[in-house]
């Protein structure tokens, strides 16, 4: 029996979701905070999701859900990722992040 652990992204940016989908990472685009909260809870309950990627903007707005996951759960590993609207980062930060994280050059 083979267990397949996967990445999953929750984002408020279609561009981020499409870019990660090209790298083989499934995910959802959410526009409202209640949608984001439902998506985070569903992903945290899914035993197949090993790494949960959440864009910085959503992570800041849902920190009360994400912080306990980060501190007490081994799976999923919660990783905040930048999107194109992130502040304080270089303009190519998303491209560089993907290249460094999974070795895909965009």
PDB file of N, CA and C in Angstrom:
ATOM      1  N   UNK A   1       0.832  -1.169   0.000  1.00  0.00           N
ATOM      2  CA  UNK A   1       0.000   0.000   0.000  1.00  0.00           C
ATOM      3  C   UNK A   1       0.886   1.245   0.000  1.00  0.00           C
ATOM      4  N   UNK A   2       0.713   2.088  -0.990  1.00  0.00           N
ATOM      5  CA  UNK A   2       1.524   3.292  -1.126  1.00  0.00           C
ATOM      6  C   UNK A   2       0.716   4.495  -0.657  1.00  0.00           C
ATOM      7  N   UNK A   3       1.329   5.310   0.196  1.00  0.00           N
ATOM      8  CA  UNK A   3       0.683   6.516   0.697  1.00  0.00           C
ATOM      9  C   UNK A   3       1.227   7.700  -0.089  1.00  0.00           C
ATOM     10  N   UNK A   4       0.331   8.503  -0.616  1.00  0.00           N
ATOM     11  CA  UNK A   4       0.738   9.663  -1.409  1.00  0.00           C
ATOM     12  C   UNK A   4       0.436  10.930  -0.619  1.00  0.00           C
ATOM     13  N   UNK A   5       1.473  11.599  -0.174  1.00  0.00           N
ATOM     14  CA  UNK A   5       1.307  12.863   0.529  1.00  0.00           C
ATOM     15  C   UNK A   5       1.462  13.985  -0.482  1.00  0.00           C
ATOM     16  N   UNK A   6       0.624  15.006  -0.380  1.00  0.00           N
ATOM     17  CA  UNK A   6       0.641  16.030  -1.406  1.00  0.00           C
ATOM     18  C   UNK A   6       0.688  17.437  -0.827  1.00  0.00           C
ATOM     19  N   UNK A   7       1.035  18.364  -1.723  1.00  0.00           N
ATOM     20  CA  UNK A   7       0.998  19.782  -1.445  1.00  0.00           C
ATOM     21  C   UNK A   7      -0.397  20.283  -1.790  1.00  0.00           C
ATOM     22  N   UNK A   8      -0.823  21.367  -1.125  1.00  0.00           N
ATOM     23  CA  UNK A   8      -2.099  22.002  -1.432  1.00  0.00           C
ATOM     24  C   UNK A   8      -1.942  23.484  -1.148  1.00  0.00           C
ATOM     25  N   UNK A   9      -2.466  24.342  -2.040  1.00  0.00           N
ATOM     26  CA  UNK A   9      -2.352  25.785  -1.848  1.00  0.00           C
ATOM     27  C   UNK A   9      -3.727  26.402  -1.665  1.00  0.00           C
ATOM     28  N   UNK A  10      -3.777  27.361  -0.738  1.00  0.00           N
ATOM     29  CA  UNK A  10      -4.965  28.187  -0.543  1.00  0.00           C
ATOM     30  C   UNK A  10      -4.519  29.624  -0.783  1.00  0.00           C
ATOM     31  N   UNK A  11      -5.146  30.268  -1.753  1.00  0.00           N
ATOM     32  CA  UNK A  11      -4.722  31.593  -2.169  1.00  0.00           C
ATOM     33  C   UNK A  11      -5.912  32.463  -2.520  1.00  0.00           C
ATOM     34  N   UNK A  12      -5.688  33.756  -2.526  1.00  0.00           N
ATOM     35  CA  UNK A  12      -6.705  34.685  -2.997  1.00  0.00           C
ATOM     36  C   UNK A  12      -6.326  35.243  -4.361  1.00  0.00           C
ATOM     37  N   UNK A  13      -5.329  34.648  -4.977  1.00  0.00           N
ATOM     38  CA  UNK A  13      -4.825  35.100  -6.278  1.00  0.00           C
ATOM     39  C   UNK A  13      -4.891  33.966  -7.304  1.00  0.00           C
ATOM     40  N   UNK A  14      -5.634  34.196  -8.352  1.00  0.00           N
ATOM     41  CA  UNK A  14      -5.721  33.208  -9.424  1.00  0.00           C
ATOM     42  C   UNK A  14      -4.348  32.964 -10.039  1.00  0.00           C
ATOM     43  N   UNK A  15      -3.554  34.013 -10.170  1.00  0.00           N
ATOM     44  CA  UNK A  15      -2.209  33.881 -10.757  1.00  0.00           C
ATOM     45  C   UNK A  15      -1.355  32.912  -9.946  1.00  0.00           C
ATOM     46  N   UNK A  16      -1.409  33.021  -8.629  1.00  0.00           N
ATOM     47  CA  UNK A  16      -0.635  32.127  -7.772  1.00  0.00           C
ATOM     48  C   UNK A  16      -1.104  30.694  -7.927  1.00  0.00           C
ATOM     49  N   UNK A  17      -2.413  30.498  -7.944  1.00  0.00           N
ATOM     50  CA  UNK A  17      -2.967  29.149  -8.072  1.00  0.00           C
ATOM     51  C   UNK A  17      -2.583  28.535  -9.405  1.00  0.00           C
ATOM     52  N   UNK A  18      -2.679  29.305 -10.489  1.00  0.00           N
ATOM     53  CA  UNK A  18      -2.331  28.787 -11.814  1.00  0.00           C
ATOM     54  C   UNK A  18      -0.840  28.454 -11.876  1.00  0.00           C
ATOM     55  N   UNK A  19      -0.005  29.330 -11.340  1.00  0.00           N
ATOM     56  CA  UNK A  19       1.436  29.078 -11.356  1.00  0.00           C
ATOM     57  C   UNK A  19       1.810  27.808 -10.617  1.00  0.00           C
ATOM     58  N   UNK A  20       1.223  27.613  -9.450  1.00  0.00           N
ATOM     59  CA  UNK A  20       1.530  26.406  -8.691  1.00  0.00           C
ATOM     60  C   UNK A  20       0.889  25.178  -9.314  1.00  0.00           C
ATOM     61  N   UNK A  21      -0.247  25.358  -9.960  1.00  0.00           N
ATOM     62  CA  UNK A  21      -0.888  24.228 -10.665  1.00  0.00           C
ATOM     63  C   UNK A  21       0.026  23.729 -11.782  1.00  0.00           C
ATOM     64  N   UNK A  22       0.706  24.648 -12.447  1.00  0.00           N
ATOM     65  CA  UNK A  22       1.663  24.259 -13.494  1.00  0.00           C
ATOM     66  C   UNK A  22       2.805  23.419 -12.921  1.00  0.00           C
ATOM     67  N   UNK A  23       3.085  23.611 -11.643  1.00  0.00           N
ATOM     68  CA  UNK A  23       4.125  22.823 -10.974  1.00  0.00           C
ATOM     69  C   UNK A  23       3.550  21.549 -10.350  1.00  0.00           C
ATOM     70  N   UNK A  24       2.247  21.291 -10.586  1.00  0.00           N
ATOM     71  CA  UNK A  24       1.629  20.065 -10.098  1.00  0.00           C
ATOM     72  C   UNK A  24       0.991  20.163  -8.721  1.00  0.00           C
ATOM     73  N   UNK A  25       0.821  21.384  -8.228  1.00  0.00           N
ATOM     74  CA  UNK A  25       0.245  21.580  -6.904  1.00  0.00           C
ATOM     75  C   UNK A  25      -1.216  22.005  -7.044  1.00  0.00           C
ATOM     76  N   UNK A  26      -2.105  21.195  -6.479  1.00  0.00           N
ATOM     77  CA  UNK A  26      -3.533  21.515  -6.492  1.00  0.00           C
ATOM     78  C   UNK A  26      -3.816  22.608  -5.475  1.00  0.00           C
ATOM     79  N   UNK A  27      -4.970  23.249  -5.632  1.00  0.00           N
ATOM     80  CA  UNK A  27      -5.339  24.260  -4.655  1.00  0.00           C
ATOM     81  C   UNK A  27      -6.653  24.918  -4.968  1.00  0.00           C
ATOM     82  N   UNK A  28      -6.993  25.899  -4.139  1.00  0.00           N
ATOM     83  CA  UNK A  28      -8.231  26.646  -4.312  1.00  0.00           C
ATOM     84  C   UNK A  28      -7.949  28.136  -4.231  1.00  0.00           C
ATOM     85  N   UNK A  29      -8.795  28.891  -4.926  1.00  0.00           N
ATOM     86  CA  UNK A  29      -8.776  30.349  -4.852  1.00  0.00           C
ATOM     87  C   UNK A  29      -9.994  30.757  -4.034  1.00  0.00           C
ATOM     88  N   UNK A  30      -9.773  31.533  -2.997  1.00  0.00           N
ATOM     89  CA  UNK A  30     -10.867  32.005  -2.153  1.00  0.00           C
ATOM     90  C   UNK A  30     -10.845  33.530  -2.143  1.00  0.00           C
ATOM     91  N   UNK A  31     -12.012  34.109  -2.126  1.00  0.00           N
ATOM     92  CA  UNK A  31     -12.117  35.576  -2.174  1.00  0.00           C
ATOM     93  C   UNK A  31     -12.546  36.194  -0.847  1.00  0.00           C
ATOM     94  N   UNK A  32     -13.190  35.403  -0.010  1.00  0.00           N
ATOM     95  CA  UNK A  32     -13.697  35.918   1.266  1.00  0.00           C
ATOM     96  C   UNK A  32     -13.066  35.137   2.421  1.00  0.00           C
ATOM     97  N   UNK A  33     -12.956  35.783   3.563  1.00  0.00           N
ATOM     98  CA  UNK A  33     -12.335  35.155   4.732  1.00  0.00           C
ATOM     99  C   UNK A  33     -13.097  33.911   5.190  1.00  0.00           C
ATOM    100  N   UNK A  34     -14.436  33.916   5.217  1.00  0.00           N
ATOM    101  CA  UNK A  34     -15.121  32.670   5.610  1.00  0.00           C
ATOM    102  C   UNK A  34     -14.789  31.493   4.686  1.00  0.00           C
ATOM    103  N   UNK A  35     -14.629  31.763   3.383  1.00  0.00           N
ATOM    104  CA  UNK A  35     -14.212  30.710   2.446  1.00  0.00           C
ATOM    105  C   UNK A  35     -12.812  30.214   2.786  1.00  0.00           C
ATOM    106  N   UNK A  36     -11.918  31.147   3.097  1.00  0.00           N
ATOM    107  CA  UNK A  36     -10.539  30.787   3.442  1.00  0.00           C
ATOM    108  C   UNK A  36     -10.518  29.915   4.689  1.00  0.00           C
ATOM    109  N   UNK A  37     -11.300  30.282   5.681  1.00  0.00           N
ATOM    110  CA  UNK A  37     -11.345  29.521   6.929  1.00  0.00           C
ATOM    111  C   UNK A  37     -11.853  28.095   6.682  1.00  0.00           C
ATOM    112  N   UNK A  38     -12.896  27.957   5.855  1.00  0.00           N
ATOM    113  CA  UNK A  38     -13.418  26.626   5.520  1.00  0.00           C
ATOM    114  C   UNK A  38     -12.364  25.803   4.781  1.00  0.00           C
ATOM    115  N   UNK A  39     -11.664  26.439   3.846  1.00  0.00           N
ATOM    116  CA  UNK A  39     -10.639  25.739   3.067  1.00  0.00           C
ATOM    117  C   UNK A  39      -9.487  25.280   3.958  1.00  0.00           C
ATOM    118  N   UNK A  40      -9.079  26.118   4.902  1.00  0.00           N
ATOM    119  CA  UNK A  40      -7.999  25.757   5.819  1.00  0.00           C
ATOM    120  C   UNK A  40      -8.425  24.576   6.690  1.00  0.00           C
ATOM    121  N   UNK A  41      -9.637  24.634   7.215  1.00  0.00           N
ATOM    122  CA  UNK A  41     -10.133  23.547   8.072  1.00  0.00           C
ATOM    123  C   UNK A  41     -10.237  22.234   7.293  1.00  0.00           C
ATOM    124  N   UNK A  42     -10.717  22.318   6.043  1.00  0.00           N
ATOM    125  CA  UNK A  42     -10.835  21.108   5.220  1.00  0.00           C
ATOM    126  C   UNK A  42      -9.457  20.529   4.900  1.00  0.00           C
ATOM    127  N   UNK A  43      -8.511  21.399   4.554  1.00  0.00           N
ATOM    128  CA  UNK A  43      -7.161  20.934   4.230  1.00  0.00           C
ATOM    129  C   UNK A  43      -6.482  20.329   5.448  1.00  0.00           C
ATOM    130  N   UNK A  44      -6.673  20.944   6.608  1.00  0.00           N
ATOM    131  CA  UNK A  44      -6.061  20.423   7.836  1.00  0.00           C
ATOM    132  C   UNK A  44      -6.627  19.053   8.207  1.00  0.00           C
ATOM    133  N   UNK A  45      -7.861  18.804   7.838  1.00  0.00           N
ATOM    134  CA  UNK A  45      -8.500  17.525   8.148  1.00  0.00           C
ATOM    135  C   UNK A  45      -8.217  16.441   7.114  1.00  0.00           C
ATOM    136  N   UNK A  46      -7.656  16.819   5.969  1.00  0.00           N
ATOM    137  CA  UNK A  46      -7.375  15.860   4.892  1.00  0.00           C
ATOM    138  C   UNK A  46      -6.052  15.144   5.179  1.00  0.00           C
ATOM    139  N   UNK A  47      -6.084  13.843   5.423  1.00  0.00           N
ATOM    140  CA  UNK A  47      -4.855  13.124   5.772  1.00  0.00           C
ATOM    141  C   UNK A  47      -3.857  12.993   4.614  1.00  0.00           C
ATOM    142  N   UNK A  48      -4.284  13.276   3.395  1.00  0.00           N
ATOM    143  CA  UNK A  48      -3.380  13.187   2.247  1.00  0.00           C
ATOM    144  C   UNK A  48      -2.536  14.438   2.058  1.00  0.00           C
ATOM    145  N   UNK A  49      -2.920  15.549   2.671  1.00  0.00           N
ATOM    146  CA  UNK A  49      -2.189  16.807   2.494  1.00  0.00           C
ATOM    147  C   UNK A  49      -1.059  16.873   3.517  1.00  0.00           C
ATOM    148  N   UNK A  50       0.166  16.880   3.005  1.00  0.00           N
ATOM    149  CA  UNK A  50       1.348  16.935   3.867  1.00  0.00           C
ATOM    150  C   UNK A  50       1.855  18.358   4.051  1.00  0.00           C
ATOM    151  N   UNK A  51       1.725  19.191   3.003  1.00  0.00           N
ATOM    152  CA  UNK A  51       2.210  20.563   3.053  1.00  0.00           C
ATOM    153  C   UNK A  51       1.085  21.477   2.596  1.00  0.00           C
ATOM    154  N   UNK A  52       0.703  22.391   3.455  1.00  0.00           N
ATOM    155  CA  UNK A  52      -0.343  23.354   3.147  1.00  0.00           C
ATOM    156  C   UNK A  52       0.310  24.704   2.912  1.00  0.00           C
ATOM    157  N   UNK A  53       0.212  25.189   1.682  1.00  0.00           N
ATOM    158  CA  UNK A  53       0.750  26.491   1.314  1.00  0.00           C
ATOM    159  C   UNK A  53      -0.380  27.508   1.398  1.00  0.00           C
ATOM    160  N   UNK A  54      -0.149  28.615   2.096  1.00  0.00           N
ATOM    161  CA  UNK A  54      -1.161  29.661   2.237  1.00  0.00           C
ATOM    162  C   UNK A  54      -0.488  30.986   1.927  1.00  0.00           C
ATOM    163  N   UNK A  55      -1.103  31.787   1.064  1.00  0.00           N
ATOM    164  CA  UNK A  55      -0.509  33.074   0.728  1.00  0.00           C
ATOM    165  C   UNK A  55      -0.506  33.981   1.962  1.00  0.00           C
ATOM    166  N   UNK A  56       0.493  34.856   2.027  1.00  0.00           N
ATOM    167  CA  UNK A  56       0.717  35.698   3.198  1.00  0.00           C
ATOM    168  C   UNK A  56      -0.515  36.496   3.600  1.00  0.00           C
ATOM    169  N   UNK A  57      -1.212  37.057   2.630  1.00  0.00           N
ATOM    170  CA  UNK A  57      -2.387  37.872   2.914  1.00  0.00           C
ATOM    171  C   UNK A  57      -3.448  37.061   3.658  1.00  0.00           C
ATOM    172  N   UNK A  58      -3.759  35.877   3.166  1.00  0.00           N
ATOM    173  CA  UNK A  58      -4.749  35.026   3.825  1.00  0.00           C
ATOM    174  C   UNK A  58      -4.239  34.519   5.171  1.00  0.00           C
ATOM    175  N   UNK A  59      -2.965  34.190   5.226  1.00  0.00           N
ATOM    176  CA  UNK A  59      -2.396  33.692   6.480  1.00  0.00           C
ATOM    177  C   UNK A  59      -2.514  34.739   7.587  1.00  0.00           C
ATOM    178  N   UNK A  60      -2.306  35.995   7.243  1.00  0.00           N
ATOM    179  CA  UNK A  60      -2.424  37.063   8.236  1.00  0.00           C
ATOM    180  C   UNK A  60      -3.868  37.190   8.725  1.00  0.00           C
ATOM    181  N   UNK A  61      -4.808  37.011   7.816  1.00  0.00           N
ATOM    182  CA  UNK A  61      -6.224  37.160   8.173  1.00  0.00           C
ATOM    183  C   UNK A  61      -6.796  35.928   8.880  1.00  0.00           C
ATOM    184  N   UNK A  62      -6.115  34.801   8.774  1.00  0.00           N
ATOM    185  CA  UNK A  62      -6.585  33.557   9.396  1.00  0.00           C
ATOM    186  C   UNK A  62      -5.563  33.013  10.384  1.00  0.00           C
ATOM    187  N   UNK A  63      -4.784  33.887  10.968  1.00  0.00           N
ATOM    188  CA  UNK A  63      -3.697  33.440  11.849  1.00  0.00           C
ATOM    189  C   UNK A  63      -4.211  32.660  13.060  1.00  0.00           C
ATOM    190  N   UNK A  64      -5.441  32.954  13.514  1.00  0.00           N
ATOM    191  CA  UNK A  64      -5.970  32.228  14.666  1.00  0.00           C
ATOM    192  C   UNK A  64      -6.187  30.749  14.352  1.00  0.00           C
ATOM    193  N   UNK A  65      -6.402  30.403  13.075  1.00  0.00           N
ATOM    194  CA  UNK A  65      -6.518  28.995  12.679  1.00  0.00           C
ATOM    195  C   UNK A  65      -5.161  28.371  12.380  1.00  0.00           C
ATOM    196  N   UNK A  66      -4.287  29.152  11.769  1.00  0.00           N
ATOM    197  CA  UNK A  66      -3.011  28.614  11.296  1.00  0.00           C
ATOM    198  C   UNK A  66      -1.975  28.450  12.405  1.00  0.00           C
ATOM    199  N   UNK A  67      -1.931  29.368  13.360  1.00  0.00           N
ATOM    200  CA  UNK A  67      -0.911  29.290  14.407  1.00  0.00           C
ATOM    201  C   UNK A  67      -0.984  27.984  15.198  1.00  0.00           C
ATOM    202  N   UNK A  68      -2.172  27.551  15.626  1.00  0.00           N
ATOM    203  CA  UNK A  68      -2.221  26.256  16.326  1.00  0.00           C
ATOM    204  C   UNK A  68      -1.751  25.090  15.451  1.00  0.00           C
ATOM    205  N   UNK A  69      -2.062  25.139  14.151  1.00  0.00           N
ATOM    206  CA  UNK A  69      -1.583  24.082  13.250  1.00  0.00           C
ATOM    207  C   UNK A  69      -0.062  24.085  13.170  1.00  0.00           C
ATOM    208  N   UNK A  70       0.507  25.271  13.083  1.00  0.00           N
ATOM    209  CA  UNK A  70       1.965  25.388  12.992  1.00  0.00           C
ATOM    210  C   UNK A  70       2.645  24.878  14.265  1.00  0.00           C
ATOM    211  N   UNK A  71       2.027  25.136  15.397  1.00  0.00           N
ATOM    212  CA  UNK A  71       2.657  24.813  16.666  1.00  0.00           C
ATOM    213  C   UNK A  71       2.421  23.377  17.137  1.00  0.00           C
ATOM    214  N   UNK A  72       1.295  22.770  16.747  1.00  0.00           N
ATOM    215  CA  UNK A  72       0.976  21.481  17.339  1.00  0.00           C
ATOM    216  C   UNK A  72       0.899  20.314  16.365  1.00  0.00           C
ATOM    217  N   UNK A  73       0.809  20.594  15.101  1.00  0.00           N
ATOM    218  CA  UNK A  73       0.647  19.506  14.132  1.00  0.00           C
ATOM    219  C   UNK A  73       1.940  19.244  13.379  1.00  0.00           C
ATOM    220  N   UNK A  74       2.186  17.990  13.134  1.00  0.00           N
ATOM    221  CA  UNK A  74       3.313  17.639  12.279  1.00  0.00           C
ATOM    222  C   UNK A  74       2.857  17.625  10.827  1.00  0.00           C
ATOM    223  N   UNK A  75       1.619  17.254  10.615  1.00  0.00           N
ATOM    224  CA  UNK A  75       1.040  17.218   9.272  1.00  0.00           C
ATOM    225  C   UNK A  75      -0.325  17.863   9.359  1.00  0.00           C
ATOM    226  N   UNK A  76      -0.650  18.810   8.521  1.00  0.00           N
ATOM    227  CA  UNK A  76       0.191  19.325   7.449  1.00  0.00           C
ATOM    228  C   UNK A  76       1.189  20.369   7.961  1.00  0.00           C
ATOM    229  N   UNK A  77       2.289  20.442   7.277  1.00  0.00           N
ATOM    230  CA  UNK A  77       3.246  21.508   7.507  1.00  0.00           C
ATOM    231  C   UNK A  77       2.655  22.749   6.851  1.00  0.00           C
ATOM    232  N   UNK A  78       2.483  23.823   7.599  1.00  0.00           N
ATOM    233  CA  UNK A  78       1.893  25.055   7.071  1.00  0.00           C
ATOM    234  C   UNK A  78       3.020  25.998   6.678  1.00  0.00           C
ATOM    235  N   UNK A  79       2.989  26.431   5.402  1.00  0.00           N
ATOM    236  CA  UNK A  79       4.009  27.330   4.880  1.00  0.00           C
ATOM    237  C   UNK A  79       3.328  28.547   4.279  1.00  0.00           C
ATOM    238  N   UNK A  80       3.712  29.728   4.758  1.00  0.00           N
ATOM    239  CA  UNK A  80       3.200  30.964   4.172  1.00  0.00           C
ATOM    240  C   UNK A  80       4.065  31.305   2.971  1.00  0.00           C
ATOM    241  N   UNK A  81       3.405  31.617   1.857  1.00  0.00           N
ATOM    242  CA  UNK A  81       4.137  31.941   0.640  1.00  0.00           C
ATOM    243  C   UNK A  81       3.741  33.334   0.158  1.00  0.00           C
ATOM    244  N   UNK A  82       4.646  34.011  -0.506  1.00  0.00           N
ATOM    245  CA  UNK A  82       4.309  35.324  -1.055  1.00  0.00           C
ATOM    246  C   UNK A  82       3.441  35.172  -2.301  1.00  0.00           C
ATOM    247  N   UNK A  83       2.701  36.216  -2.611  1.00  0.00           N
ATOM    248  CA  UNK A  83       2.043  36.272  -3.905  1.00  0.00           C
ATOM    249  C   UNK A  83       2.441  37.596  -4.552  1.00  0.00           C
ATOM    250  N   UNK A  84       1.878  37.882  -5.692  1.00  0.00           N
ATOM    251  CA  UNK A  84       2.337  39.072  -6.420  1.00  0.00           C
ATOM    252  C   UNK A  84       1.971  40.369  -5.719  1.00  0.00           C
ATOM    253  N   UNK A  85       1.080  40.325  -4.730  1.00  0.00           N
ATOM    254  CA  UNK A  85       0.677  41.521  -4.004  1.00  0.00           C
ATOM    255  C   UNK A  85       1.423  41.688  -2.694  1.00  0.00           C
ATOM    256  N   UNK A  86       2.345  40.803  -2.393  1.00  0.00           N
ATOM    257  CA  UNK A  86       3.097  40.878  -1.144  1.00  0.00           C
ATOM    258  C   UNK A  86       3.983  42.115  -1.144  1.00  0.00           C
ATOM    259  N   UNK A  87       4.147  42.679   0.029  1.00  0.00           N
ATOM    260  CA  UNK A  87       4.983  43.866   0.154  1.00  0.00           C
ATOM    261  C   UNK A  87       6.334  43.482   0.735  1.00  0.00           C
ATOM    262  N   UNK A  88       7.325  44.296   0.444  1.00  0.00           N
ATOM    263  CA  UNK A  88       8.634  44.085   1.032  1.00  0.00           C
ATOM    264  C   UNK A  88       9.456  42.983   0.391  1.00  0.00           C
ATOM    265  N   UNK A  89       9.071  42.553  -0.784  1.00  0.00           N
ATOM    266  CA  UNK A  89       9.812  41.499  -1.467  1.00  0.00           C
ATOM    267  C   UNK A  89      10.227  41.987  -2.854  1.00  0.00           C
ATOM    268  N   UNK A  90      11.237  41.347  -3.374  1.00  0.00           N
ATOM    269  CA  UNK A  90      11.678  41.670  -4.727  1.00  0.00           C
ATOM    270  C   UNK A  90      10.588  41.301  -5.730  1.00  0.00           C
ATOM    271  N   UNK A  91      10.587  41.941  -6.880  1.00  0.00           N
ATOM    272  CA  UNK A  91       9.531  41.716  -7.868  1.00  0.00           C
ATOM    273  C   UNK A  91       9.514  40.290  -8.412  1.00  0.00           C
ATOM    274  N   UNK A  92      10.646  39.592  -8.357  1.00  0.00           N
ATOM    275  CA  UNK A  92      10.689  38.216  -8.854  1.00  0.00           C
ATOM    276  C   UNK A  92      10.640  37.188  -7.715  1.00  0.00           C
ATOM    277  N   UNK A  93      10.146  37.591  -6.548  1.00  0.00           N
ATOM    278  CA  UNK A  93      10.210  36.705  -5.378  1.00  0.00           C
ATOM    279  C   UNK A  93       9.411  35.420  -5.560  1.00  0.00           C
ATOM    280  N   UNK A  94       8.263  35.473  -6.235  1.00  0.00           N
ATOM    281  CA  UNK A  94       7.472  34.262  -6.426  1.00  0.00           C
ATOM    282  C   UNK A  94       8.218  33.291  -7.323  1.00  0.00           C
ATOM    283  N   UNK A  95       8.731  33.790  -8.438  1.00  0.00           N
ATOM    284  CA  UNK A  95       9.477  32.945  -9.364  1.00  0.00           C
ATOM    285  C   UNK A  95      10.683  32.327  -8.669  1.00  0.00           C
ATOM    286  N   UNK A  96      11.424  33.124  -7.928  1.00  0.00           N
ATOM    287  CA  UNK A  96      12.604  32.630  -7.220  1.00  0.00           C
ATOM    288  C   UNK A  96      12.201  31.609  -6.150  1.00  0.00           C
ATOM    289  N   UNK A  97      11.115  31.871  -5.441  1.00  0.00           N
ATOM    290  CA  UNK A  97      10.636  30.964  -4.406  1.00  0.00           C
ATOM    291  C   UNK A  97      10.297  29.596  -4.990  1.00  0.00           C
ATOM    292  N   UNK A  98       9.566  29.574  -6.092  1.00  0.00           N
ATOM    293  CA  UNK A  98       9.204  28.303  -6.738  1.00  0.00           C
ATOM    294  C   UNK A  98      10.456  27.590  -7.218  1.00  0.00           C
ATOM    295  N   UNK A  99      11.361  28.312  -7.852  1.00  0.00           N
ATOM    296  CA  UNK A  99      12.599  27.706  -8.356  1.00  0.00           C
ATOM    297  C   UNK A  99      13.401  27.072  -7.233  1.00  0.00           C
ATOM    298  N   UNK A 100      13.527  27.781  -6.106  1.00  0.00           N
ATOM    299  CA  UNK A 100      14.302  27.260  -4.983  1.00  0.00           C
ATOM    300  C   UNK A 100      13.585  26.113  -4.273  1.00  0.00           C
ATOM    301  N   UNK A 101      12.274  26.211  -4.167  1.00  0.00           N
ATOM    302  CA  UNK A 101      11.517  25.216  -3.401  1.00  0.00           C
ATOM    303  C   UNK A 101      11.356  23.901  -4.128  1.00  0.00           C
ATOM    304  N   UNK A 102      11.033  23.957  -5.425  1.00  0.00           N
ATOM    305  CA  UNK A 102      10.733  22.706  -6.116  1.00  0.00           C
ATOM    306  C   UNK A 102      11.540  22.500  -7.385  1.00  0.00           C
ATOM    307  N   UNK A 103      12.444  23.427  -7.674  1.00  0.00           N
ATOM    308  CA  UNK A 103      13.346  23.223  -8.806  1.00  0.00           C
ATOM    309  C   UNK A 103      12.737  23.441 -10.170  1.00  0.00           C
ATOM    310  N   UNK A 104      11.627  24.177 -10.248  1.00  0.00           N
ATOM    311  CA  UNK A 104      10.998  24.447 -11.534  1.00  0.00           C
ATOM    312  C   UNK A 104      11.335  25.883 -11.929  1.00  0.00           C
ATOM    313  N   UNK A 105      11.916  26.051 -13.096  1.00  0.00           N
ATOM    314  CA  UNK A 105      12.249  27.383 -13.573  1.00  0.00           C
ATOM    315  C   UNK A 105      11.129  27.877 -14.465  1.00  0.00           C
ATOM    316  N   UNK A 106      10.530  29.021 -14.088  1.00  0.00           N
ATOM    317  CA  UNK A 106       9.426  29.595 -14.857  1.00  0.00           C
ATOM    318  C   UNK A 106       9.895  30.724 -15.735  1.00  0.00           C
TER     319      UNK A 106
END
